[in-house]
Amino acid sequence: MRLHVPAVYTYFKGVVPFRIVPAVVTTIFLLTLLALPAPSGLDENGWKMLAIFLTTILAIILKVMSIGVMALMAIVIVSLAQVTSPSSKGAVADALSSFASPLIWLIVIAVLISLGLRKTGLGRRIGLVFITLLGKRTIGIGYGLVLCELLLAPFTPSNTARGGGIIHPVMKSIANAFDSDPAKGTQGRVGTYLALVNYHANPITSAMFLTATAPNPLVLEYVAKSTGGAIQLTWVSWALAMFVPGVIALIVMPLVIYLISPPELKKTPDAVAYARQELAAMGPVSAKEMVMIGTFAMLLLLWANVPAMILGPAYTLDPTVVAILGLFALLITGTINWDDVLGEKSAWDTLIWFGALVMMADQLNKLGVIGWFSNGMKDMISHAELGWEMTAAVLVLIFTFAHYMFASTTAHVSAMMLAFLSVGILLIPVEYQPLFVLMMVAASAIMMTLTHYATGTSPIIFGSGYVTMGKWWGVGLVMCIVNLAIFAVIGATWWRVLGYW
């Protein structure tokens, strides 16, 4: 049997699930790092783990394959390389360790709960109700989308599901009702403005609640680790700290976008009639929607720790337990079914890639890489002799704008946040550390504004064609600066009032 090399090459070129050039670049990058000696202060295993982690991040940025496959690649390499344990059994146990974490399952289960919003139509109904209230002008429709984002944010830890899966279809329907369609070249009538508002509400609400986006629980964990438990945010303290600057940012954002990317059509009286027509077609609130509302109310009360406030600490429930309870309630009432759960690919995809990234970040910490990097940054900033204010500003700004290099918020948080927090805690006086920490928490979501690949929501909205790449990046940079300024000024003042610093 003869081997036809060209035929084999053609076959594999057509079926392999990766992009060949980025795959080659990533492989060379890994081999180059592994060939280099470990830097001073870092042992060999720590250096190899860092090489694996950086290669995984590069592979995700270059989109060699889907993020889940890249995460699985990392698990395979960590298991085979045995950098975390001298035995194969220990190494694979370390590689799979994060899948037992309640943090991971909180995110996965909460994504599954958000299924009910789409299946019952409650998310769409909420959006249409806001349009009936605020839809006489294009800017009013924008504020309707903002209010919808704000209402859904505490209950939808998938910001992609919220902004891209629930609100964006409503936004597109409204734009189409005004004949604002990229296919016709009329996207500028109302669609471009509404698409930008649709998107830029998403990072702000993601900063406002612990349960508003997937990386937030990880941010919470890193805050506790970096401060040695001295600063511990709860669902309530997070929401309280971020609510005032977040609301101000939500008020300002549609106005700023209205100035730098104004809609051609300023008045939209027909939007109200359209929304009322769609609501009439949906009919009265269904029993399943009522169950969904009740489940959300239960989740909010339990995540806010209300029973413990009333009855005592014995009634405190872990957030993951609350999430499991909410999912079970939706299943036993028939609001969603088990096939829905099994078919929600995004949840199980999140389980794999988020679990792998968390695992690698944990191993970097255990192998001393985070400490080594933090000490290096500390020495560099110390030699620069910056004041604490400038030190905090530099750390926050570098962390934020480094997001241009990332196509995943979770990857960015996993790669950089613990190290940056640790450096800040080492260099900033104790009394000002909470201010720095809260700015870093806000920045971990605000950075989503920057690019069309910044988070899962952005490619959905960008892909609909209402906004050009140039406009997206330009508006994104402006909104990032505006949001950081609001949180630095309004937020800092509010946190002072609360006594946080």
Protein backbone atom coordinates (compact mmCIF):
# COMPACT_ATOMS: atom_id res chain seq x y z
CA MET A 1 0.00 0.00 0.00
CA ARG A 2 1.54 3.27 -1.13
CA LEU A 3 1.40 6.37 1.04
CA HIS A 4 0.36 9.42 -0.96
CA VAL A 5 1.87 12.26 1.05
CA PRO A 6 0.09 15.09 -0.81
CA ALA A 7 -3.27 13.36 -0.35
CA VAL A 8 -2.63 12.81 3.35
CA TYR A 9 -1.60 16.45 3.74
CA THR A 10 -4.71 17.64 1.92
CA TYR A 11 -6.88 15.41 4.10
CA PHE A 12 -5.46 16.61 7.39
CA LYS A 13 -5.47 20.23 6.22
CA GLY A 14 -9.21 19.91 5.67
CA VAL A 15 -10.11 18.12 8.90
CA VAL A 16 -7.71 19.24 11.64
CA PRO A 17 -9.53 21.57 14.06
CA PHE A 18 -6.74 24.10 14.42
CA ARG A 19 -5.29 26.98 12.45
CA ILE A 20 -1.91 25.75 11.24
CA VAL A 21 0.15 28.96 11.34
CA PRO A 22 -0.97 30.05 14.85
CA ALA A 23 -0.45 26.43 16.00
CA VAL A 24 3.13 26.45 14.71
CA VAL A 25 3.79 29.84 16.32
CA THR A 26 2.41 28.60 19.64
CA THR A 27 4.45 25.39 19.52
CA ILE A 28 7.68 27.28 18.77
CA PHE A 29 6.86 29.68 21.62
CA LEU A 30 6.46 26.78 24.09
CA LEU A 31 9.61 24.98 22.97
CA THR A 32 11.62 28.22 23.13
CA LEU A 33 10.49 28.94 26.68
CA LEU A 34 11.23 25.38 27.79
CA ALA A 35 14.72 25.57 26.26
CA LEU A 36 15.56 28.71 28.23
CA PRO A 37 17.01 28.38 31.76
CA ALA A 38 14.74 29.27 34.65
CA PRO A 39 15.12 32.91 35.73
CA SER A 40 16.87 33.67 38.96
CA GLY A 41 14.58 33.11 41.92
CA LEU A 42 12.31 30.63 40.12
CA ASP A 43 12.79 26.87 40.19
CA GLU A 44 12.63 24.63 37.12
CA ASN A 45 9.10 23.34 37.73
CA GLY A 46 7.77 26.84 38.29
CA TRP A 47 9.36 27.98 35.02
CA LYS A 48 7.87 25.04 33.10
CA MET A 49 4.44 25.74 34.58
CA LEU A 50 4.74 29.39 33.58
CA ALA A 51 5.73 28.33 30.05
CA ILE A 52 2.67 26.07 29.79
CA PHE A 53 0.41 28.81 31.11
CA LEU A 54 1.77 31.55 28.80
CA THR A 55 1.54 29.20 25.83
CA THR A 56 -2.09 28.45 26.65
CA ILE A 57 -2.88 32.17 26.86
CA LEU A 58 -1.08 32.79 23.55
CA ALA A 59 -3.01 29.93 21.94
CA ILE A 60 -6.27 31.46 23.15
CA ILE A 61 -5.30 34.93 21.89
CA LEU A 62 -4.26 33.55 18.49
CA LYS A 63 -7.40 31.37 18.40
CA VAL A 64 -5.48 28.24 17.45
CA MET A 65 -8.59 26.24 18.35
CA SER A 66 -11.65 26.82 20.48
CA ILE A 67 -10.86 27.88 24.02
CA GLY A 68 -12.18 24.58 25.43
CA VAL A 69 -9.75 22.54 23.31
CA MET A 70 -6.90 24.85 24.30
CA ALA A 71 -7.80 24.32 27.95
CA LEU A 72 -7.86 20.55 27.44
CA MET A 73 -4.43 20.84 25.82
CA ALA A 74 -3.16 22.55 28.97
CA ILE A 75 -4.60 19.77 31.15
CA VAL A 76 -2.88 17.14 28.98
CA ILE A 77 0.49 18.95 29.08
CA VAL A 78 0.37 19.52 32.85
CA SER A 79 -0.50 15.84 33.36
CA LEU A 80 2.35 14.61 31.14
CA ALA A 81 4.99 17.15 32.17
CA GLN A 82 4.63 16.25 35.87
CA VAL A 83 5.70 19.72 36.96
CA THR A 84 3.28 19.74 39.89
CA SER A 85 4.02 16.21 41.13
CA PRO A 86 6.75 13.60 40.56
CA SER A 87 4.16 10.91 39.73
CA SER A 88 1.71 10.65 36.85
CA LYS A 89 -1.13 9.96 39.29
CA GLY A 90 -0.34 13.08 41.32
CA ALA A 91 0.10 15.23 38.22
CA VAL A 92 -3.28 14.30 36.70
CA ALA A 93 -4.92 14.80 40.09
CA ASP A 94 -3.46 18.31 40.17
CA ALA A 95 -4.51 18.94 36.56
CA LEU A 96 -8.10 18.03 37.39
CA SER A 97 -8.17 19.55 40.88
CA SER A 98 -10.18 22.65 40.04
CA PHE A 99 -13.17 20.63 38.82
CA ALA A 100 -14.02 19.90 42.45
CA SER A 101 -14.07 23.61 43.26
CA PRO A 102 -17.43 25.10 44.34
CA LEU A 103 -16.33 28.28 42.53
CA ILE A 104 -16.32 26.49 39.17
CA TRP A 105 -19.70 24.89 39.76
CA LEU A 106 -21.23 28.18 40.92
CA ILE A 107 -20.43 29.64 37.51
CA VAL A 108 -21.61 26.60 35.53
CA ILE A 109 -24.88 26.21 37.43
CA ALA A 110 -25.65 29.91 37.30
CA VAL A 111 -25.21 29.84 33.51
CA LEU A 112 -27.68 26.94 33.43
CA ILE A 113 -30.16 28.94 35.53
CA SER A 114 -30.04 31.78 33.00
CA LEU A 115 -31.45 29.31 30.46
CA GLY A 116 -34.85 30.02 31.99
CA LEU A 117 -34.71 33.66 30.90
CA ARG A 118 -34.46 32.65 27.27
CA LYS A 119 -36.76 29.66 27.35
CA THR A 120 -39.61 31.39 29.19
CA GLY A 121 -39.26 34.65 27.23
CA LEU A 122 -39.02 36.63 30.47
CA GLY A 123 -35.83 38.39 29.34
CA ARG A 124 -37.45 39.56 26.12
CA ARG A 125 -40.58 40.69 27.96
CA ILE A 126 -38.51 42.77 30.38
CA GLY A 127 -36.72 44.49 27.49
CA LEU A 128 -39.98 45.27 25.70
CA VAL A 129 -41.53 46.69 28.88
CA PHE A 130 -38.66 49.16 29.21
CA ILE A 131 -39.07 50.18 25.57
CA THR A 132 -42.76 51.00 26.17
CA LEU A 133 -41.70 53.24 29.05
CA LEU A 134 -38.70 54.99 27.45
CA GLY A 135 -38.89 54.44 23.72
CA LYS A 136 -40.12 57.78 22.32
CA ARG A 137 -36.55 58.84 21.56
CA THR A 138 -33.55 56.82 20.48
CA ILE A 139 -31.65 57.80 23.61
CA GLY A 140 -34.67 56.66 25.63
CA ILE A 141 -34.51 53.25 23.96
CA GLY A 142 -30.83 53.20 24.92
CA TYR A 143 -31.72 53.81 28.56
CA GLY A 144 -34.35 51.07 28.29
CA LEU A 145 -31.62 48.63 27.25
CA VAL A 146 -29.46 49.88 30.13
CA LEU A 147 -32.24 49.31 32.68
CA CYS A 148 -32.82 45.84 31.30
CA GLU A 149 -29.09 45.08 31.74
CA LEU A 150 -29.16 46.41 35.29
CA LEU A 151 -32.22 44.36 36.24
CA LEU A 152 -30.83 41.11 34.83
CA ALA A 153 -27.21 41.51 35.95
CA PRO A 154 -27.50 40.11 39.50
CA PHE A 155 -29.03 36.89 38.17
CA THR A 156 -27.06 36.21 34.99
CA PRO A 157 -23.39 35.44 35.70
CA SER A 158 -22.91 34.90 32.00
CA ASN A 159 -22.54 38.44 30.73
CA THR A 160 -22.54 36.91 27.24
CA ALA A 161 -25.96 35.33 27.81
CA ARG A 162 -27.27 38.62 29.19
CA GLY A 163 -25.92 41.13 26.69
CA GLY A 164 -25.62 38.90 23.65
CA GLY A 165 -28.30 36.26 24.14
CA ILE A 166 -31.13 38.19 25.82
CA ILE A 167 -30.81 41.92 25.17
CA HIS A 168 -29.14 41.98 21.75
CA PRO A 169 -32.03 40.19 19.96
CA VAL A 170 -34.40 42.79 21.44
CA MET A 171 -32.09 45.59 20.28
CA LYS A 172 -31.93 44.13 16.75
CA SER A 173 -35.72 43.82 16.58
CA ILE A 174 -36.11 47.48 17.51
CA ALA A 175 -33.46 48.57 14.98
CA ASN A 176 -35.13 46.54 12.22
CA ALA A 177 -38.48 48.12 13.09
CA PHE A 178 -36.92 51.45 12.07
CA ASP A 179 -35.40 49.95 8.91
CA SER A 180 -31.92 50.25 10.41
CA ASP A 181 -30.18 47.29 8.82
CA PRO A 182 -26.46 46.78 8.01
CA ALA A 183 -27.44 44.77 4.93
CA LYS A 184 -29.16 47.88 3.56
CA GLY A 185 -26.46 50.30 4.67
CA THR A 186 -28.92 51.99 7.05
CA GLN A 187 -27.31 50.85 10.31
CA GLY A 188 -26.61 54.46 11.28
CA ARG A 189 -30.30 55.36 11.66
CA VAL A 190 -30.59 53.90 15.17
CA GLY A 191 -28.78 50.55 15.05
CA THR A 192 -25.19 51.69 15.52
CA TYR A 193 -26.07 53.78 18.55
CA LEU A 194 -28.23 51.09 20.13
CA ALA A 195 -25.65 48.37 19.48
CA LEU A 196 -22.97 50.43 21.21
CA VAL A 197 -25.24 51.12 24.20
CA ASN A 198 -26.26 47.46 24.24
CA TYR A 199 -22.61 46.49 24.52
CA HIS A 200 -21.22 49.17 26.82
CA ALA A 201 -23.88 48.60 29.45
CA ASN A 202 -22.54 45.05 29.75
CA PRO A 203 -19.09 45.76 31.27
CA ILE A 204 -20.52 48.29 33.73
CA THR A 205 -23.20 45.95 35.09
CA SER A 206 -20.60 43.17 35.15
CA ALA A 207 -18.60 45.30 37.60
CA MET A 208 -21.61 45.97 39.82
CA PHE A 209 -22.51 42.50 41.10
CA LEU A 210 -20.51 39.46 42.13
CA THR A 211 -22.91 37.26 40.15
CA ALA A 212 -22.92 39.42 36.99
CA THR A 213 -20.07 37.77 35.09
CA ALA A 214 -18.11 34.53 35.32
CA PRO A 215 -14.67 35.84 36.46
CA ASN A 216 -16.05 37.83 39.42
CA PRO A 217 -15.94 34.94 41.94
CA LEU A 218 -12.33 34.41 40.89
CA VAL A 219 -11.65 38.11 41.48
CA LEU A 220 -13.23 37.70 44.92
CA GLU A 221 -10.91 34.79 45.69
CA TYR A 222 -7.81 36.69 44.55
CA VAL A 223 -8.71 39.69 46.69
CA ALA A 224 -8.87 37.45 49.76
CA LYS A 225 -5.61 35.67 48.85
CA SER A 226 -3.60 38.80 48.12
CA THR A 227 -4.67 40.54 51.33
CA GLY A 228 -4.31 37.46 53.52
CA GLY A 229 -8.02 37.63 54.28
CA ALA A 230 -7.82 41.22 55.52
CA ILE A 231 -10.19 42.35 52.75
CA GLN A 232 -13.11 39.98 52.20
CA LEU A 233 -15.88 41.02 49.85
CA THR A 234 -19.32 39.46 50.12
CA TRP A 235 -22.16 39.63 47.61
CA VAL A 236 -23.64 42.53 49.60
CA SER A 237 -20.41 44.49 50.18
CA TRP A 238 -19.45 44.13 46.50
CA ALA A 239 -22.86 45.35 45.32
CA LEU A 240 -22.90 48.21 47.85
CA ALA A 241 -19.42 49.38 46.85
CA MET A 242 -20.03 49.25 43.10
CA PHE A 243 -23.66 50.37 42.93
CA VAL A 244 -23.26 54.16 43.11
CA PRO A 245 -20.33 54.55 40.67
CA GLY A 246 -21.95 51.88 38.48
CA VAL A 247 -25.27 53.72 38.29
CA ILE A 248 -23.48 56.99 37.51
CA ALA A 249 -21.53 55.22 34.75
CA LEU A 250 -24.77 53.77 33.34
CA ILE A 251 -26.34 57.23 33.29
CA VAL A 252 -23.31 58.85 31.63
CA MET A 253 -22.56 56.12 29.06
CA PRO A 254 -25.56 56.59 26.69
CA LEU A 255 -24.95 60.35 26.73
CA VAL A 256 -21.26 59.99 25.85
CA ILE A 257 -22.04 57.58 23.03
CA TYR A 258 -24.82 59.92 21.84
CA LEU A 259 -22.19 62.66 21.53
CA ILE A 260 -19.45 60.65 19.79
CA SER A 261 -21.69 58.34 17.72
CA PRO A 262 -25.11 60.01 17.42
CA PRO A 263 -28.02 58.20 15.75
CA GLU A 264 -29.37 59.68 12.53
CA LEU A 265 -32.91 59.24 13.83
CA LYS A 266 -33.33 61.07 17.12
CA LYS A 267 -37.08 60.61 17.71
CA THR A 268 -38.66 57.13 17.65
CA PRO A 269 -42.34 57.39 18.67
CA ASP A 270 -43.12 54.18 16.75
CA ALA A 271 -40.87 52.15 19.08
CA VAL A 272 -43.45 52.32 21.85
CA ALA A 273 -46.17 51.04 19.53
CA TYR A 274 -43.87 48.26 18.31
CA ALA A 275 -43.04 47.14 21.86
CA ARG A 276 -46.70 47.17 22.87
CA GLN A 277 -47.59 45.15 19.80
CA GLU A 278 -44.92 42.55 20.62
CA LEU A 279 -46.02 42.38 24.27
CA ALA A 280 -49.61 41.89 23.17
CA ALA A 281 -48.49 39.04 20.93
CA MET A 282 -46.67 37.45 23.86
CA GLY A 283 -49.85 37.55 25.93
CA PRO A 284 -50.06 37.71 29.73
CA VAL A 285 -47.19 36.62 31.94
CA SER A 286 -47.08 32.83 31.79
CA ALA A 287 -46.87 30.45 34.74
CA LYS A 288 -43.29 29.58 33.77
CA GLU A 289 -42.35 33.26 33.76
CA MET A 290 -43.88 33.59 37.24
CA VAL A 291 -41.77 30.64 38.42
CA MET A 292 -38.72 32.31 36.89
CA ILE A 293 -39.48 35.57 38.70
CA GLY A 294 -39.97 33.68 41.96
CA THR A 295 -36.72 31.78 41.50
CA PHE A 296 -34.82 34.99 40.82
CA ALA A 297 -36.30 36.58 43.94
CA MET A 298 -35.24 33.55 46.00
CA LEU A 299 -31.72 33.61 44.55
CA LEU A 300 -31.32 37.33 45.20
CA LEU A 301 -32.47 37.00 48.82
CA LEU A 302 -30.21 34.03 49.51
CA TRP A 303 -27.17 35.42 47.66
CA ALA A 304 -27.71 38.65 49.60
CA ASN A 305 -27.63 36.55 52.82
CA VAL A 306 -30.96 37.95 54.04
CA PRO A 307 -31.96 34.83 56.09
CA ALA A 308 -28.69 35.05 58.04
CA MET A 309 -29.26 38.76 58.68
CA ILE A 310 -32.67 37.99 60.17
CA LEU A 311 -32.20 34.59 61.80
CA GLY A 312 -28.48 34.47 62.54
CA PRO A 313 -25.26 33.12 61.00
CA ALA A 314 -26.43 29.51 61.21
CA TYR A 315 -28.66 30.24 58.21
CA THR A 316 -25.79 31.39 55.99
CA LEU A 317 -25.70 29.46 52.73
CA ASP A 318 -22.73 29.13 50.40
CA PRO A 319 -23.42 30.80 47.02
CA THR A 320 -22.90 27.50 45.20
CA VAL A 321 -25.52 25.82 47.38
CA VAL A 322 -27.93 28.63 46.50
CA ALA A 323 -27.21 28.18 42.80
CA ILE A 324 -27.85 24.42 43.00
CA LEU A 325 -31.12 25.11 44.80
CA GLY A 326 -32.19 27.56 42.09
CA LEU A 327 -31.39 25.10 39.29
CA PHE A 328 -33.24 22.32 41.10
CA ALA A 329 -36.29 24.57 41.54
CA LEU A 330 -36.39 25.30 37.81
CA LEU A 331 -36.06 21.60 36.98
CA ILE A 332 -38.73 20.25 39.33
CA THR A 333 -41.22 22.91 38.24
CA GLY A 334 -40.66 22.08 34.56
CA THR A 335 -39.45 25.61 33.79
CA ILE A 336 -36.47 24.00 32.12
CA ASN A 337 -35.85 20.30 31.61
CA TRP A 338 -32.84 18.02 31.84
CA ASP A 339 -32.38 18.02 28.07
CA ASP A 340 -32.06 21.82 28.25
CA VAL A 341 -29.32 21.40 30.85
CA LEU A 342 -27.48 18.78 28.82
CA GLY A 343 -27.79 20.85 25.66
CA GLU A 344 -26.43 24.10 27.13
CA LYS A 345 -23.00 23.83 25.50
CA SER A 346 -21.75 27.15 26.85
CA ALA A 347 -22.05 25.93 30.46
CA TRP A 348 -20.05 22.75 29.86
CA ASP A 349 -17.56 24.60 27.69
CA THR A 350 -17.11 27.06 30.57
CA LEU A 351 -16.56 24.16 32.97
CA ILE A 352 -13.58 22.93 30.92
CA TRP A 353 -11.81 26.15 29.99
CA PHE A 354 -12.50 28.03 33.20
CA GLY A 355 -11.50 25.00 35.27
CA ALA A 356 -8.23 24.63 33.37
CA LEU A 357 -7.32 28.30 33.71
CA VAL A 358 -8.11 28.31 37.42
CA MET A 359 -6.03 25.15 37.86
CA MET A 360 -3.01 26.69 36.17
CA ALA A 361 -3.33 29.92 38.11
CA ASP A 362 -3.47 27.92 41.36
CA GLN A 363 -0.41 25.88 40.39
CA LEU A 364 1.52 29.03 39.47
CA ASN A 365 0.80 30.29 42.96
CA LYS A 366 1.79 27.00 44.63
CA LEU A 367 5.01 26.79 42.63
CA GLY A 368 6.02 30.31 43.65
CA VAL A 369 5.62 31.97 40.25
CA ILE A 370 3.11 34.59 41.42
CA GLY A 371 5.32 35.49 44.37
CA TRP A 372 8.39 35.70 42.11
CA PHE A 373 6.60 37.96 39.62
CA SER A 374 5.11 40.13 42.37
CA ASN A 375 8.49 40.66 44.01
CA GLY A 376 10.01 41.57 40.64
CA MET A 377 7.31 44.17 39.96
CA LYS A 378 7.63 45.44 43.52
CA ASP A 379 11.36 46.01 43.08
CA MET A 380 10.89 47.79 39.74
CA ILE A 381 8.23 50.14 41.09
CA SER A 382 10.20 50.71 44.30
CA HIS A 383 13.25 51.77 42.29
CA ALA A 384 11.05 54.24 40.40
CA GLU A 385 10.25 55.87 43.77
CA LEU A 386 6.59 56.51 42.93
CA GLY A 387 4.10 57.68 45.53
CA TRP A 388 1.31 55.32 46.53
CA GLU A 389 -1.19 57.20 44.36
CA MET A 390 0.96 56.85 41.23
CA THR A 391 1.77 53.25 42.11
CA ALA A 392 -1.93 52.38 42.34
CA ALA A 393 -2.70 54.25 39.11
CA VAL A 394 0.12 52.53 37.18
CA LEU A 395 -0.94 49.09 38.35
CA VAL A 396 -4.62 49.66 37.52
CA LEU A 397 -3.88 51.18 34.10
CA ILE A 398 -1.38 48.52 33.03
CA PHE A 399 -3.77 45.79 34.17
CA THR A 400 -6.70 47.38 32.33
CA PHE A 401 -5.06 48.14 28.99
CA ALA A 402 -3.28 44.80 28.89
CA HIS A 403 -6.71 43.51 27.90
CA TYR A 404 -5.89 44.45 24.31
CA MET A 405 -3.85 41.22 24.36
CA PHE A 406 -6.68 39.03 25.65
CA ALA A 407 -9.75 37.53 24.03
CA SER A 408 -11.09 36.30 27.38
CA THR A 409 -11.72 38.26 30.55
CA THR A 410 -11.24 35.10 32.57
CA ALA A 411 -7.86 34.44 30.95
CA HIS A 412 -6.77 37.99 31.73
CA VAL A 413 -7.92 37.81 35.36
CA SER A 414 -6.29 34.39 35.76
CA ALA A 415 -3.02 35.57 34.24
CA MET A 416 -2.52 38.92 35.91
CA MET A 417 -4.86 39.89 38.69
CA LEU A 418 -3.39 38.03 41.64
CA ALA A 419 0.11 39.27 40.82
CA PHE A 420 -0.99 42.90 40.41
CA LEU A 421 -3.04 42.81 43.60
CA SER A 422 -0.09 41.29 45.47
CA VAL A 423 2.28 44.01 44.28
CA GLY A 424 -0.18 46.73 45.27
CA ILE A 425 -0.64 45.25 48.73
CA LEU A 426 3.14 45.20 49.20
CA LEU A 427 3.66 48.83 48.12
CA ILE A 428 0.52 50.75 49.13
CA PRO A 429 -0.06 51.83 52.76
CA VAL A 430 -2.58 49.68 54.61
CA GLU A 431 -5.16 52.45 55.01
CA TYR A 432 -5.32 52.97 51.22
CA GLN A 433 -5.27 49.32 50.18
CA PRO A 434 -9.09 48.96 50.03
CA LEU A 435 -9.23 51.86 47.55
CA PHE A 436 -6.68 50.16 45.30
CA VAL A 437 -8.36 46.76 45.61
CA LEU A 438 -11.80 48.14 44.70
CA MET A 439 -10.37 49.95 41.66
CA MET A 440 -8.80 46.69 40.53
CA VAL A 441 -12.13 44.92 41.00
CA ALA A 442 -13.87 47.55 38.88
CA ALA A 443 -11.13 47.49 36.24
CA SER A 444 -11.48 43.71 35.84
CA ALA A 445 -14.85 44.34 34.18
CA ILE A 446 -14.34 47.83 32.73
CA MET A 447 -11.53 46.47 30.53
CA MET A 448 -14.18 44.61 28.50
CA THR A 449 -15.02 47.89 26.74
CA LEU A 450 -11.82 47.97 24.68
CA THR A 451 -12.06 45.57 21.73
CA HIS A 452 -14.44 43.55 19.60
CA TYR A 453 -12.96 40.35 21.06
CA ALA A 454 -12.73 41.47 24.68
CA THR A 455 -15.40 39.11 26.06
CA GLY A 456 -18.04 36.72 24.77
CA THR A 457 -20.62 39.48 24.32
CA SER A 458 -18.49 41.60 21.99
CA PRO A 459 -18.19 39.24 18.99
CA ILE A 460 -21.96 38.66 19.08
CA ILE A 461 -22.83 42.36 18.89
CA PHE A 462 -19.91 43.28 16.63
CA GLY A 463 -20.77 40.38 14.34
CA SER A 464 -24.26 41.78 13.73
CA GLY A 465 -22.61 44.46 11.58
CA TYR A 466 -23.97 47.64 13.15
CA VAL A 467 -20.57 48.98 14.25
CA THR A 468 -17.33 49.16 12.26
CA MET A 469 -14.13 47.95 13.90
CA GLY A 470 -12.64 51.46 13.92
CA LYS A 471 -15.67 52.92 15.65
CA TRP A 472 -15.82 49.99 18.09
CA TRP A 473 -12.20 50.48 19.18
CA GLY A 474 -12.51 54.27 19.29
CA VAL A 475 -15.69 54.31 21.37
CA GLY A 476 -14.28 51.48 23.49
CA LEU A 477 -11.17 53.46 24.41
CA VAL A 478 -13.21 56.56 25.28
CA MET A 479 -15.67 54.59 27.41
CA CYS A 480 -12.86 52.76 29.19
CA ILE A 481 -11.25 56.06 30.20
CA VAL A 482 -14.61 57.59 31.18
CA ASN A 483 -15.58 54.56 33.28
CA LEU A 484 -12.21 54.42 35.05
CA ALA A 485 -12.50 58.14 35.83
CA ILE A 486 -16.01 57.71 37.25
CA PHE A 487 -14.96 54.82 39.49
CA ALA A 488 -11.76 56.62 40.54
CA VAL A 489 -13.59 59.85 41.51
CA ILE A 490 -17.22 58.98 42.32
CA GLY A 491 -16.29 55.49 43.47
CA ALA A 492 -13.47 56.64 45.73
CA THR A 493 -15.73 59.27 47.30
CA TRP A 494 -18.50 56.73 47.85
CA TRP A 495 -16.10 54.19 49.36
CA ARG A 496 -14.86 56.90 51.70
CA VAL A 497 -18.44 57.56 52.80
CA LEU A 498 -18.87 53.83 53.43
CA GLY A 499 -15.71 53.82 55.55
CA TYR A 500 -13.90 51.32 53.34
CA TRP A 501 -10.74 53.41 53.39
